[in-house]
Amino acid sequence: MTSKIISGQVIPLNQSNIDTDAIIPKQYLKSINKSGFGKFLFDSLRYTKTGTLDNYENRELNNEFILNQVPYNNGNIIIANDNFGCGSSREHAVWALKDYGIKSIISTSFADIFSRNSFKNGILLITVSKLELDDLFAIIEKEKVFVLDIDVDQQKITGPNNFSLNFEINDSDKDRIIYGYDDIALTLKQRDKIIEYEQKMRKLKPWLFKNEK
């Protein structure tokens, strides 16, 4: 299997139930393009004034928010607390994260629809235990510059001071992250089995195929 390493500065968001409306507010959902949403990521927290799709430029940054602080403004791995991505099922939330440059999110749990959307769009979600997450937050609190290396193939996270943590991921999601597979590509991996099944059904139930051209 081809190896894939995700490396980057972490962005600690020690908060539970970060919902999709916080990730990208509803006023930016009018566009259906998958790109261009990064500038709206955590919009209500990044800026001191509310923006709209027609009027979002030249707003003052909220310097208290972590994405506006060094070194986190260049981070690409989010560390968050329980139930990240809850709320509405808007895929725009994942588009905004990806467009901003987020490669991976580490948490104890994720909303189901958000999780599916993330892997479909190439964002690696890693689920860890509460104890592992608390330990990670404690380490990050002592060192602002904290770069992690995530080996997707080996399912291992490494970092400063000999930090190491293994994680679980199913094979199809791993393939999505490593190879960029979509649903069709994953299905075509089973092409030989599909053909074999069709040939078997042609013999057992030929009437199902009588209208084929």
N, C-alpha and C. Protein backbone atom coordinates (compact mmCIF):
# COMPACT_ATOMS: atom_id res chain seq x y z
N MET A 1 0.83 -1.19 0.00
CA MET A 1 0.00 0.00 0.00
C MET A 1 0.87 1.25 0.00
N THR A 2 0.49 2.22 -0.80
CA THR A 2 1.21 3.48 -0.85
C THR A 2 1.09 4.21 0.48
N SER A 3 2.20 4.70 1.00
CA SER A 3 2.18 5.39 2.28
C SER A 3 1.70 6.83 2.11
N LYS A 4 1.03 7.33 3.10
CA LYS A 4 0.60 8.73 3.11
C LYS A 4 0.84 9.30 4.50
N ILE A 5 1.60 10.38 4.57
CA ILE A 5 1.89 11.05 5.83
C ILE A 5 1.23 12.42 5.83
N ILE A 6 0.45 12.70 6.86
CA ILE A 6 -0.12 14.02 7.06
C ILE A 6 0.67 14.68 8.18
N SER A 7 1.31 15.80 7.88
CA SER A 7 2.13 16.50 8.89
C SER A 7 1.63 17.92 9.05
N GLY A 8 1.66 18.42 10.29
CA GLY A 8 1.28 19.81 10.47
C GLY A 8 1.09 20.22 11.91
N GLN A 9 1.02 21.53 12.09
CA GLN A 9 0.76 22.14 13.39
C GLN A 9 -0.67 21.83 13.81
N VAL A 10 -0.83 21.52 15.09
CA VAL A 10 -2.17 21.24 15.59
C VAL A 10 -2.90 22.54 15.96
N ILE A 11 -4.22 22.47 15.91
CA ILE A 11 -5.09 23.57 16.32
C ILE A 11 -5.99 23.02 17.42
N PRO A 12 -5.70 23.32 18.69
CA PRO A 12 -6.52 22.76 19.78
C PRO A 12 -7.82 23.54 19.99
N LEU A 13 -8.94 22.85 19.85
CA LEU A 13 -10.26 23.43 20.12
C LEU A 13 -10.89 22.60 21.23
N ASN A 14 -10.58 22.96 22.47
CA ASN A 14 -11.01 22.17 23.62
C ASN A 14 -12.46 22.50 23.97
N GLN A 15 -13.34 22.07 23.08
CA GLN A 15 -14.76 22.35 23.22
C GLN A 15 -15.55 21.18 22.65
N SER A 16 -16.64 20.84 23.31
CA SER A 16 -17.50 19.76 22.82
C SER A 16 -18.63 20.32 21.96
N ASN A 17 -19.22 19.45 21.14
CA ASN A 17 -20.41 19.78 20.36
C ASN A 17 -20.22 20.98 19.43
N ILE A 18 -19.08 21.03 18.76
CA ILE A 18 -18.87 22.07 17.75
C ILE A 18 -19.71 21.69 16.54
N ASP A 19 -20.76 22.47 16.28
CA ASP A 19 -21.71 22.06 15.25
C ASP A 19 -21.38 22.68 13.89
N THR A 20 -22.10 22.22 12.88
CA THR A 20 -21.81 22.65 11.51
C THR A 20 -22.14 24.12 11.28
N ASP A 21 -23.06 24.67 12.08
CA ASP A 21 -23.37 26.10 11.94
C ASP A 21 -22.21 26.94 12.44
N ALA A 22 -21.49 26.45 13.45
CA ALA A 22 -20.30 27.16 13.92
C ALA A 22 -19.17 27.01 12.90
N ILE A 23 -19.09 25.84 12.27
CA ILE A 23 -18.03 25.60 11.28
C ILE A 23 -18.23 26.50 10.07
N ILE A 24 -19.47 26.61 9.58
CA ILE A 24 -19.79 27.56 8.52
C ILE A 24 -21.24 28.01 8.68
N PRO A 25 -21.48 29.29 8.97
CA PRO A 25 -22.84 29.80 9.18
C PRO A 25 -23.72 29.66 7.95
N LYS A 26 -25.02 29.63 8.19
CA LYS A 26 -26.00 29.32 7.15
C LYS A 26 -26.03 30.32 6.01
N GLN A 27 -25.61 31.58 6.24
CA GLN A 27 -25.69 32.58 5.17
C GLN A 27 -24.74 32.31 4.02
N TYR A 28 -23.81 31.37 4.21
CA TYR A 28 -22.84 31.07 3.15
C TYR A 28 -23.18 29.78 2.38
N LEU A 29 -24.37 29.25 2.60
CA LEU A 29 -24.72 27.97 2.00
C LEU A 29 -25.36 28.09 0.62
N LYS A 30 -25.49 29.30 0.12
CA LYS A 30 -26.16 29.49 -1.17
C LYS A 30 -25.34 28.93 -2.33
N SER A 31 -24.03 28.98 -2.20
CA SER A 31 -23.18 28.47 -3.26
C SER A 31 -23.05 26.95 -3.15
N ILE A 32 -23.03 26.27 -4.32
CA ILE A 32 -22.88 24.81 -4.32
C ILE A 32 -21.51 24.39 -4.85
N ASN A 33 -20.63 25.37 -5.09
CA ASN A 33 -19.25 25.04 -5.48
C ASN A 33 -18.51 24.51 -4.25
N LYS A 34 -17.68 23.51 -4.45
CA LYS A 34 -16.97 22.92 -3.32
C LYS A 34 -15.79 23.75 -2.86
N SER A 35 -15.36 24.69 -3.67
CA SER A 35 -14.20 25.52 -3.33
C SER A 35 -14.65 26.92 -2.94
N GLY A 36 -13.75 27.62 -2.25
CA GLY A 36 -14.01 29.00 -1.89
C GLY A 36 -14.64 29.20 -0.53
N PHE A 37 -14.86 28.13 0.22
CA PHE A 37 -15.52 28.25 1.52
C PHE A 37 -14.53 28.42 2.68
N GLY A 38 -13.24 28.26 2.42
CA GLY A 38 -12.26 28.34 3.50
C GLY A 38 -12.27 29.67 4.22
N LYS A 39 -12.54 30.73 3.49
CA LYS A 39 -12.54 32.07 4.11
C LYS A 39 -13.72 32.26 5.06
N PHE A 40 -14.69 31.33 5.01
CA PHE A 40 -15.85 31.43 5.90
C PHE A 40 -15.78 30.45 7.07
N LEU A 41 -14.69 29.68 7.16
CA LEU A 41 -14.57 28.70 8.23
C LEU A 41 -14.59 29.38 9.60
N PHE A 42 -15.45 28.91 10.49
CA PHE A 42 -15.62 29.48 11.83
C PHE A 42 -15.83 31.00 11.74
N ASP A 43 -16.60 31.41 10.76
CA ASP A 43 -16.75 32.83 10.43
C ASP A 43 -17.20 33.68 11.62
N SER A 44 -18.18 33.21 12.37
CA SER A 44 -18.71 34.01 13.48
C SER A 44 -17.72 34.13 14.62
N LEU A 45 -16.69 33.28 14.64
CA LEU A 45 -15.67 33.34 15.67
C LEU A 45 -14.41 34.05 15.18
N ARG A 46 -14.12 33.96 13.90
CA ARG A 46 -12.90 34.57 13.35
C ARG A 46 -12.99 36.07 13.20
N TYR A 47 -14.22 36.58 13.07
CA TYR A 47 -14.39 38.02 12.80
C TYR A 47 -15.27 38.67 13.87
N THR A 48 -15.10 39.97 14.03
CA THR A 48 -15.86 40.70 15.04
C THR A 48 -17.24 41.09 14.56
N LYS A 49 -17.46 41.04 13.25
CA LYS A 49 -18.77 41.37 12.68
C LYS A 49 -19.28 40.23 11.81
N THR A 50 -20.59 40.09 11.76
CA THR A 50 -21.20 39.06 10.94
C THR A 50 -21.10 39.45 9.47
N GLY A 51 -20.74 38.49 8.64
CA GLY A 51 -20.64 38.73 7.21
C GLY A 51 -21.77 38.08 6.45
N THR A 52 -21.86 38.39 5.17
CA THR A 52 -22.81 37.75 4.28
C THR A 52 -22.06 37.32 3.03
N LEU A 53 -22.71 36.55 2.20
CA LEU A 53 -22.07 36.08 0.98
C LEU A 53 -21.72 37.24 0.06
N ASP A 54 -22.47 38.34 0.17
CA ASP A 54 -22.22 39.52 -0.66
C ASP A 54 -21.34 40.57 0.02
N ASN A 55 -21.14 40.41 1.33
CA ASN A 55 -20.38 41.42 2.06
C ASN A 55 -19.62 40.75 3.21
N TYR A 56 -18.43 40.26 2.91
CA TYR A 56 -17.64 39.58 3.93
C TYR A 56 -16.20 40.08 4.01
N GLU A 57 -15.79 40.92 3.10
CA GLU A 57 -14.41 41.38 3.08
C GLU A 57 -14.19 42.56 4.02
N ASN A 58 -12.92 42.81 4.34
CA ASN A 58 -12.49 43.97 5.13
C ASN A 58 -13.11 44.01 6.51
N ARG A 59 -13.36 42.83 7.10
CA ARG A 59 -13.85 42.80 8.48
C ARG A 59 -12.68 42.65 9.46
N GLU A 60 -12.86 43.15 10.65
CA GLU A 60 -11.80 43.07 11.65
C GLU A 60 -11.74 41.66 12.23
N LEU A 61 -10.52 41.14 12.35
CA LEU A 61 -10.32 39.82 12.92
C LEU A 61 -10.52 39.83 14.43
N ASN A 62 -11.05 38.73 14.95
CA ASN A 62 -11.16 38.54 16.39
C ASN A 62 -9.87 37.89 16.87
N ASN A 63 -8.99 38.69 17.46
CA ASN A 63 -7.67 38.20 17.86
C ASN A 63 -7.71 37.18 19.00
N GLU A 64 -8.88 37.05 19.62
CA GLU A 64 -9.01 36.08 20.70
C GLU A 64 -9.23 34.67 20.17
N PHE A 65 -9.65 34.57 18.90
CA PHE A 65 -9.93 33.25 18.35
C PHE A 65 -8.66 32.58 17.86
N ILE A 66 -8.54 31.30 18.11
CA ILE A 66 -7.29 30.59 17.92
C ILE A 66 -6.79 30.59 16.47
N LEU A 67 -7.68 30.59 15.49
CA LEU A 67 -7.24 30.58 14.09
C LEU A 67 -6.58 31.90 13.68
N ASN A 68 -6.72 32.91 14.50
CA ASN A 68 -6.10 34.20 14.22
C ASN A 68 -4.82 34.41 15.02
N GLN A 69 -4.34 33.34 15.64
CA GLN A 69 -3.14 33.43 16.47
C GLN A 69 -2.02 32.56 15.89
N VAL A 70 -0.79 33.04 16.05
CA VAL A 70 0.39 32.26 15.66
C VAL A 70 0.69 31.26 16.76
N PRO A 71 1.01 30.00 16.45
CA PRO A 71 1.24 29.38 15.13
C PRO A 71 0.01 28.69 14.56
N TYR A 72 -1.13 28.82 15.28
CA TYR A 72 -2.31 28.05 14.91
C TYR A 72 -2.90 28.49 13.57
N ASN A 73 -2.62 29.73 13.17
CA ASN A 73 -3.17 30.21 11.89
C ASN A 73 -2.57 29.48 10.70
N ASN A 74 -1.50 28.74 10.93
CA ASN A 74 -0.91 27.92 9.86
C ASN A 74 -1.10 26.42 10.11
N GLY A 75 -1.98 26.09 11.04
CA GLY A 75 -2.21 24.69 11.38
C GLY A 75 -3.10 23.99 10.38
N ASN A 76 -3.01 22.66 10.37
CA ASN A 76 -3.88 21.88 9.48
C ASN A 76 -4.44 20.62 10.13
N ILE A 77 -4.19 20.45 11.45
CA ILE A 77 -4.74 19.31 12.18
C ILE A 77 -5.50 19.84 13.39
N ILE A 78 -6.79 19.62 13.42
CA ILE A 78 -7.62 20.10 14.53
C ILE A 78 -7.71 19.03 15.61
N ILE A 79 -7.55 19.44 16.87
CA ILE A 79 -7.79 18.57 18.02
C ILE A 79 -9.02 19.13 18.73
N ALA A 80 -10.10 18.38 18.77
CA ALA A 80 -11.35 18.90 19.33
C ALA A 80 -11.94 17.90 20.31
N ASN A 81 -12.88 18.39 21.11
CA ASN A 81 -13.53 17.52 22.09
C ASN A 81 -14.72 16.81 21.48
N ASP A 82 -15.55 16.21 22.33
CA ASP A 82 -16.59 15.27 21.89
C ASP A 82 -17.54 15.84 20.84
N ASN A 83 -18.03 14.93 19.99
CA ASN A 83 -19.16 15.18 19.10
C ASN A 83 -18.90 16.31 18.11
N PHE A 84 -17.74 16.29 17.48
CA PHE A 84 -17.41 17.32 16.50
C PHE A 84 -18.26 17.13 15.25
N GLY A 85 -18.78 18.24 14.70
CA GLY A 85 -19.55 18.19 13.46
C GLY A 85 -21.01 17.84 13.64
N CYS A 86 -21.54 18.04 14.83
CA CYS A 86 -22.96 17.76 15.07
C CYS A 86 -23.82 18.86 14.43
N GLY A 87 -25.13 18.74 14.57
CA GLY A 87 -26.02 19.73 13.98
C GLY A 87 -26.51 19.31 12.61
N SER A 88 -26.76 20.28 11.74
CA SER A 88 -27.32 19.98 10.42
C SER A 88 -26.31 19.21 9.57
N SER A 89 -26.83 18.60 8.51
CA SER A 89 -26.00 17.70 7.69
C SER A 89 -25.26 18.40 6.57
N ARG A 90 -25.17 19.72 6.61
CA ARG A 90 -24.56 20.48 5.51
C ARG A 90 -23.14 20.02 5.19
N GLU A 91 -22.94 19.63 3.92
CA GLU A 91 -21.61 19.22 3.47
C GLU A 91 -20.69 20.43 3.34
N HIS A 92 -21.27 21.62 3.29
CA HIS A 92 -20.48 22.85 3.20
C HIS A 92 -19.47 22.94 4.34
N ALA A 93 -19.82 22.38 5.51
CA ALA A 93 -18.90 22.44 6.65
C ALA A 93 -17.60 21.73 6.32
N VAL A 94 -17.71 20.58 5.69
CA VAL A 94 -16.51 19.84 5.29
C VAL A 94 -15.78 20.57 4.18
N TRP A 95 -16.52 21.13 3.23
CA TRP A 95 -15.89 21.90 2.15
C TRP A 95 -15.09 23.06 2.71
N ALA A 96 -15.63 23.73 3.73
CA ALA A 96 -14.93 24.87 4.34
C ALA A 96 -13.65 24.43 5.02
N LEU A 97 -13.71 23.33 5.76
CA LEU A 97 -12.52 22.81 6.43
C LEU A 97 -11.44 22.42 5.43
N LYS A 98 -11.85 21.72 4.38
CA LYS A 98 -10.89 21.29 3.37
C LYS A 98 -10.29 22.47 2.63
N ASP A 99 -11.13 23.42 2.24
CA ASP A 99 -10.66 24.57 1.49
C ASP A 99 -9.70 25.43 2.32
N TYR A 100 -9.92 25.46 3.63
CA TYR A 100 -9.03 26.21 4.53
C TYR A 100 -7.67 25.53 4.62
N GLY A 101 -7.66 24.21 4.45
CA GLY A 101 -6.40 23.47 4.52
C GLY A 101 -6.34 22.42 5.61
N ILE A 102 -7.48 22.16 6.27
CA ILE A 102 -7.51 21.15 7.32
C ILE A 102 -7.38 19.76 6.70
N LYS A 103 -6.41 18.99 7.18
CA LYS A 103 -6.16 17.65 6.64
C LYS A 103 -6.72 16.55 7.53
N SER A 104 -6.78 16.81 8.83
CA SER A 104 -7.21 15.78 9.76
C SER A 104 -7.82 16.43 11.00
N ILE A 105 -8.76 15.69 11.63
CA ILE A 105 -9.38 16.13 12.88
C ILE A 105 -9.33 14.96 13.85
N ILE A 106 -8.88 15.24 15.06
CA ILE A 106 -8.77 14.23 16.11
C ILE A 106 -9.76 14.57 17.21
N SER A 107 -10.61 13.61 17.57
CA SER A 107 -11.62 13.84 18.61
C SER A 107 -12.03 12.50 19.21
N THR A 108 -12.86 12.55 20.23
CA THR A 108 -13.38 11.31 20.82
C THR A 108 -14.57 10.79 20.04
N SER A 109 -15.27 11.68 19.30
CA SER A 109 -16.44 11.25 18.54
C SER A 109 -16.82 12.31 17.51
N PHE A 110 -17.48 11.83 16.44
CA PHE A 110 -17.93 12.71 15.36
C PHE A 110 -19.38 12.38 15.02
N ALA A 111 -20.11 13.40 14.56
CA ALA A 111 -21.47 13.15 14.07
C ALA A 111 -21.38 12.26 12.84
N ASP A 112 -22.34 11.35 12.69
CA ASP A 112 -22.28 10.33 11.64
C ASP A 112 -22.21 10.92 10.24
N ILE A 113 -23.12 11.84 9.92
CA ILE A 113 -23.15 12.41 8.56
C ILE A 113 -21.89 13.22 8.31
N PHE A 114 -21.45 13.98 9.30
CA PHE A 114 -20.22 14.75 9.15
C PHE A 114 -19.04 13.81 8.88
N SER A 115 -19.03 12.68 9.56
CA SER A 115 -17.94 11.72 9.38
C SER A 115 -17.92 11.19 7.95
N ARG A 116 -19.08 10.80 7.43
CA ARG A 116 -19.14 10.28 6.07
C ARG A 116 -18.72 11.34 5.05
N ASN A 117 -19.21 12.56 5.26
CA ASN A 117 -18.85 13.65 4.34
C ASN A 117 -17.35 13.94 4.37
N SER A 118 -16.76 13.85 5.55
CA SER A 118 -15.33 14.14 5.69
C SER A 118 -14.48 13.16 4.91
N PHE A 119 -14.72 11.88 5.10
CA PHE A 119 -13.93 10.88 4.39
C PHE A 119 -14.16 10.94 2.88
N LYS A 120 -15.39 11.25 2.47
CA LYS A 120 -15.68 11.38 1.04
C LYS A 120 -14.91 12.54 0.42
N ASN A 121 -14.60 13.53 1.23
CA ASN A 121 -13.87 14.71 0.74
C ASN A 121 -12.39 14.69 1.10
N GLY A 122 -11.91 13.58 1.61
CA GLY A 122 -10.48 13.43 1.84
C GLY A 122 -9.94 14.00 3.14
N ILE A 123 -10.82 14.25 4.12
CA ILE A 123 -10.37 14.69 5.44
C ILE A 123 -10.33 13.49 6.38
N LEU A 124 -9.18 13.25 6.97
CA LEU A 124 -8.99 12.11 7.86
C LEU A 124 -9.53 12.42 9.26
N LEU A 125 -10.49 11.63 9.71
CA LEU A 125 -11.00 11.75 11.08
C LEU A 125 -10.41 10.63 11.92
N ILE A 126 -9.89 10.98 13.09
CA ILE A 126 -9.27 10.00 13.98
C ILE A 126 -10.00 10.04 15.31
N THR A 127 -10.51 8.89 15.72
CA THR A 127 -11.22 8.79 17.00
C THR A 127 -10.29 8.20 18.06
N VAL A 128 -10.18 8.91 19.18
CA VAL A 128 -9.33 8.47 20.28
C VAL A 128 -10.16 8.42 21.56
N SER A 129 -9.60 7.83 22.59
CA SER A 129 -10.31 7.76 23.87
C SER A 129 -10.26 9.12 24.58
N LYS A 130 -11.12 9.30 25.55
CA LYS A 130 -11.15 10.54 26.32
C LYS A 130 -9.82 10.76 27.04
N LEU A 131 -9.25 9.71 27.57
CA LEU A 131 -7.97 9.82 28.27
C LEU A 131 -6.87 10.24 27.30
N GLU A 132 -6.84 9.63 26.12
CA GLU A 132 -5.83 9.98 25.12
C GLU A 132 -5.99 11.42 24.67
N LEU A 133 -7.23 11.86 24.51
CA LEU A 133 -7.47 13.25 24.09
C LEU A 133 -7.04 14.23 25.17
N ASP A 134 -7.38 13.94 26.42
CA ASP A 134 -7.00 14.82 27.54
C ASP A 134 -5.48 14.92 27.65
N ASP A 135 -4.80 13.82 27.47
CA ASP A 135 -3.33 13.82 27.51
C ASP A 135 -2.77 14.69 26.38
N LEU A 136 -3.38 14.60 25.22
CA LEU A 136 -2.93 15.38 24.07
C LEU A 136 -3.13 16.87 24.31
N PHE A 137 -4.28 17.23 24.84
CA PHE A 137 -4.53 18.63 25.17
C PHE A 137 -3.53 19.15 26.20
N ALA A 138 -3.23 18.33 27.18
CA ALA A 138 -2.29 18.73 28.24
C ALA A 138 -0.90 18.98 27.66
N ILE A 139 -0.48 18.14 26.72
CA ILE A 139 0.84 18.32 26.10
C ILE A 139 0.86 19.59 25.25
N ILE A 140 -0.20 19.79 24.47
CA ILE A 140 -0.26 20.95 23.57
C ILE A 140 -0.28 22.25 24.37
N GLU A 141 -0.93 22.24 25.53
CA GLU A 141 -1.03 23.44 26.35
C GLU A 141 0.36 23.94 26.79
N LYS A 142 1.30 23.01 26.92
CA LYS A 142 2.65 23.38 27.34
C LYS A 142 3.52 23.84 26.18
N GLU A 143 3.18 23.41 24.97
CA GLU A 143 4.00 23.73 23.80
C GLU A 143 3.10 24.20 22.66
N LYS A 144 3.10 25.49 22.38
CA LYS A 144 2.24 26.01 21.32
C LYS A 144 2.64 25.45 19.96
N VAL A 145 3.94 25.43 19.68
CA VAL A 145 4.40 24.85 18.42
C VAL A 145 4.44 23.34 18.62
N PHE A 146 3.47 22.66 18.02
CA PHE A 146 3.34 21.22 18.22
C PHE A 146 2.92 20.59 16.91
N VAL A 147 3.87 19.97 16.24
CA VAL A 147 3.65 19.38 14.92
C VAL A 147 3.49 17.87 15.05
N LEU A 148 2.42 17.36 14.48
CA LEU A 148 2.18 15.92 14.47
C LEU A 148 2.43 15.34 13.08
N ASP A 149 2.87 14.10 13.05
CA ASP A 149 2.98 13.34 11.80
C ASP A 149 2.01 12.16 11.91
N ILE A 150 1.10 12.08 10.94
CA ILE A 150 0.11 11.01 10.94
C ILE A 150 0.40 10.07 9.77
N ASP A 151 0.79 8.87 10.08
CA ASP A 151 1.04 7.85 9.07
C ASP A 151 -0.26 7.07 8.88
N VAL A 152 -0.95 7.34 7.78
CA VAL A 152 -2.26 6.74 7.56
C VAL A 152 -2.14 5.24 7.34
N ASP A 153 -1.14 4.82 6.60
CA ASP A 153 -0.94 3.41 6.32
C ASP A 153 -0.67 2.62 7.60
N GLN A 154 0.25 3.12 8.42
CA GLN A 154 0.61 2.45 9.67
C GLN A 154 -0.37 2.75 10.81
N GLN A 155 -1.29 3.70 10.56
CA GLN A 155 -2.29 4.10 11.55
C GLN A 155 -1.63 4.52 12.88
N LYS A 156 -0.69 5.45 12.71
CA LYS A 156 0.10 5.88 13.87
C LYS A 156 0.34 7.39 13.83
N ILE A 157 0.20 8.02 14.99
CA ILE A 157 0.47 9.45 15.15
C ILE A 157 1.73 9.61 15.98
N THR A 158 2.66 10.42 15.52
CA THR A 158 3.87 10.71 16.29
C THR A 158 4.06 12.21 16.39
N GLY A 159 4.78 12.63 17.44
CA GLY A 159 5.00 14.05 17.66
C GLY A 159 6.20 14.30 18.55
N PRO A 160 6.37 15.54 19.00
CA PRO A 160 7.51 15.90 19.84
C PRO A 160 7.57 15.10 21.14
N ASN A 161 8.77 15.03 21.70
CA ASN A 161 8.99 14.37 22.99
C ASN A 161 8.52 12.92 22.99
N ASN A 162 8.77 12.23 21.85
CA ASN A 162 8.45 10.81 21.73
C ASN A 162 6.95 10.51 21.84
N PHE A 163 6.13 11.50 21.53
CA PHE A 163 4.68 11.26 21.54
C PHE A 163 4.32 10.24 20.46
N SER A 164 3.49 9.27 20.81
CA SER A 164 3.09 8.24 19.86
C SER A 164 1.71 7.72 20.24
N LEU A 165 0.88 7.53 19.21
CA LEU A 165 -0.48 7.06 19.44
C LEU A 165 -0.98 6.31 18.21
N ASN A 166 -1.50 5.12 18.41
CA ASN A 166 -2.07 4.35 17.32
C ASN A 166 -3.57 4.62 17.22
N PHE A 167 -4.11 4.45 16.02
CA PHE A 167 -5.55 4.69 15.83
C PHE A 167 -6.11 3.65 14.87
N GLU A 168 -7.44 3.51 14.91
CA GLU A 168 -8.14 2.56 14.05
C GLU A 168 -8.81 3.30 12.89
N ILE A 169 -8.87 2.63 11.73
CA ILE A 169 -9.57 3.17 10.57
C ILE A 169 -9.94 1.98 9.68
N ASN A 170 -11.15 1.99 9.12
CA ASN A 170 -11.54 0.86 8.28
C ASN A 170 -10.86 0.98 6.91
N ASP A 171 -10.82 -0.13 6.20
CA ASP A 171 -10.05 -0.20 4.95
C ASP A 171 -10.57 0.76 3.88
N SER A 172 -11.88 0.89 3.75
CA SER A 172 -12.41 1.76 2.70
C SER A 172 -12.09 3.22 2.98
N ASP A 173 -12.19 3.64 4.23
CA ASP A 173 -11.85 5.02 4.57
C ASP A 173 -10.35 5.27 4.41
N LYS A 174 -9.55 4.26 4.73
CA LYS A 174 -8.10 4.39 4.52
C LYS A 174 -7.79 4.60 3.04
N ASP A 175 -8.47 3.83 2.19
CA ASP A 175 -8.26 3.97 0.74
C ASP A 175 -8.70 5.35 0.24
N ARG A 176 -9.77 5.86 0.81
CA ARG A 176 -10.22 7.21 0.42
C ARG A 176 -9.13 8.24 0.71
N ILE A 177 -8.52 8.13 1.87
CA ILE A 177 -7.51 9.11 2.27
C ILE A 177 -6.21 8.92 1.49
N ILE A 178 -5.77 7.70 1.35
CA ILE A 178 -4.48 7.45 0.70
C ILE A 178 -4.54 7.65 -0.81
N TYR A 179 -5.60 7.12 -1.43
CA TYR A 179 -5.67 7.15 -2.90
C TYR A 179 -6.64 8.19 -3.45
N GLY A 180 -7.43 8.80 -2.58
CA GLY A 180 -8.41 9.77 -3.06
C GLY A 180 -9.61 9.13 -3.73
N TYR A 181 -9.91 7.87 -3.37
CA TYR A 181 -11.03 7.17 -3.97
C TYR A 181 -12.36 7.82 -3.61
N ASP A 182 -13.31 7.81 -4.58
CA ASP A 182 -14.69 8.17 -4.29
C ASP A 182 -15.52 6.89 -4.24
N ASP A 183 -16.85 7.01 -4.11
CA ASP A 183 -17.70 5.83 -3.98
C ASP A 183 -17.58 4.92 -5.20
N ILE A 184 -17.52 5.51 -6.38
CA ILE A 184 -17.44 4.70 -7.61
C ILE A 184 -16.12 3.93 -7.66
N ALA A 185 -15.03 4.61 -7.33
CA ALA A 185 -13.72 3.95 -7.36
C ALA A 185 -13.66 2.79 -6.36
N LEU A 186 -14.26 2.98 -5.19
CA LEU A 186 -14.28 1.90 -4.20
C LEU A 186 -15.10 0.72 -4.71
N THR A 187 -16.21 1.01 -5.39
CA THR A 187 -17.04 -0.06 -5.95
C THR A 187 -16.28 -0.83 -7.03
N LEU A 188 -15.55 -0.09 -7.86
CA LEU A 188 -14.82 -0.72 -8.96
C LEU A 188 -13.68 -1.61 -8.47
N LYS A 189 -13.26 -1.43 -7.24
CA LYS A 189 -12.27 -2.33 -6.67
C LYS A 189 -12.81 -3.76 -6.60
N GLN A 190 -14.14 -3.87 -6.56
CA GLN A 190 -14.80 -5.17 -6.50
C GLN A 190 -15.30 -5.60 -7.88
N ARG A 191 -14.71 -5.04 -8.93
CA ARG A 191 -15.19 -5.28 -10.29
C ARG A 191 -15.24 -6.77 -10.64
N ASP A 192 -14.20 -7.51 -10.32
CA ASP A 192 -14.16 -8.93 -10.64
C ASP A 192 -15.29 -9.70 -9.95
N LYS A 193 -15.56 -9.36 -8.71
CA LYS A 193 -16.63 -10.03 -7.98
C LYS A 193 -17.99 -9.67 -8.55
N ILE A 194 -18.13 -8.41 -8.98
CA ILE A 194 -19.39 -7.97 -9.57
C ILE A 194 -19.65 -8.72 -10.88
N ILE A 195 -18.62 -8.82 -11.70
CA ILE A 195 -18.76 -9.54 -12.98
C ILE A 195 -19.08 -11.01 -12.73
N GLU A 196 -18.40 -11.60 -11.76
CA GLU A 196 -18.64 -13.01 -11.43
C GLU A 196 -20.08 -13.22 -10.98
N TYR A 197 -20.57 -12.29 -10.18
CA TYR A 197 -21.96 -12.39 -9.69
C TYR A 197 -22.95 -12.25 -10.85
N GLU A 198 -22.71 -11.30 -11.75
CA GLU A 198 -23.60 -11.12 -12.90
C GLU A 198 -23.64 -12.36 -13.79
N GLN A 199 -22.49 -12.96 -14.01
CA GLN A 199 -22.43 -14.17 -14.84
C GLN A 199 -23.21 -15.31 -14.18
N LYS A 200 -23.11 -15.40 -12.88
CA LYS A 200 -23.84 -16.43 -12.15
C LYS A 200 -25.34 -16.20 -12.27
N MET A 201 -25.77 -14.95 -12.13
CA MET A 201 -27.19 -14.63 -12.21
C MET A 201 -27.75 -14.82 -13.61
N ARG A 202 -26.93 -14.62 -14.62
CA ARG A 202 -27.38 -14.86 -16.00
C ARG A 202 -27.78 -16.33 -16.20
N LYS A 203 -27.08 -17.22 -15.51
CA LYS A 203 -27.39 -18.63 -15.64
C LYS A 203 -28.58 -19.02 -14.77
N LEU A 204 -28.64 -18.46 -13.57
CA LEU A 204 -29.71 -18.82 -12.64
C LEU A 204 -31.03 -18.15 -12.99
N LYS A 205 -30.96 -16.88 -13.43
CA LYS A 205 -32.17 -16.11 -13.71
C LYS A 205 -32.01 -15.34 -15.02
N PRO A 206 -31.95 -16.05 -16.13
CA PRO A 206 -31.70 -15.40 -17.42
C PRO A 206 -32.76 -14.40 -17.83
N TRP A 207 -33.99 -14.56 -17.32
CA TRP A 207 -35.07 -13.63 -17.69
C TRP A 207 -34.81 -12.20 -17.20
N LEU A 208 -33.94 -12.06 -16.22
CA LEU A 208 -33.63 -10.70 -15.73
C LEU A 208 -32.83 -9.90 -16.75
N PHE A 209 -32.23 -10.60 -17.70
CA PHE A 209 -31.33 -9.93 -18.64
C PHE A 209 -31.85 -9.96 -20.08
N LYS A 210 -33.11 -10.39 -20.26
CA LYS A 210 -33.63 -10.58 -21.61
C LYS A 210 -33.80 -9.28 -22.38
N ASN A 211 -33.93 -8.14 -21.67
CA ASN A 211 -34.13 -6.85 -22.35
C ASN A 211 -32.82 -6.10 -22.57
N GLU A 212 -31.71 -6.75 -22.26
CA GLU A 212 -30.42 -6.10 -22.46
C GLU A 212 -30.14 -5.88 -23.93
N LYS A 213 -29.49 -4.79 -24.23
CA LYS A 213 -29.09 -4.50 -25.62
C LYS A 213 -27.60 -4.79 -25.79
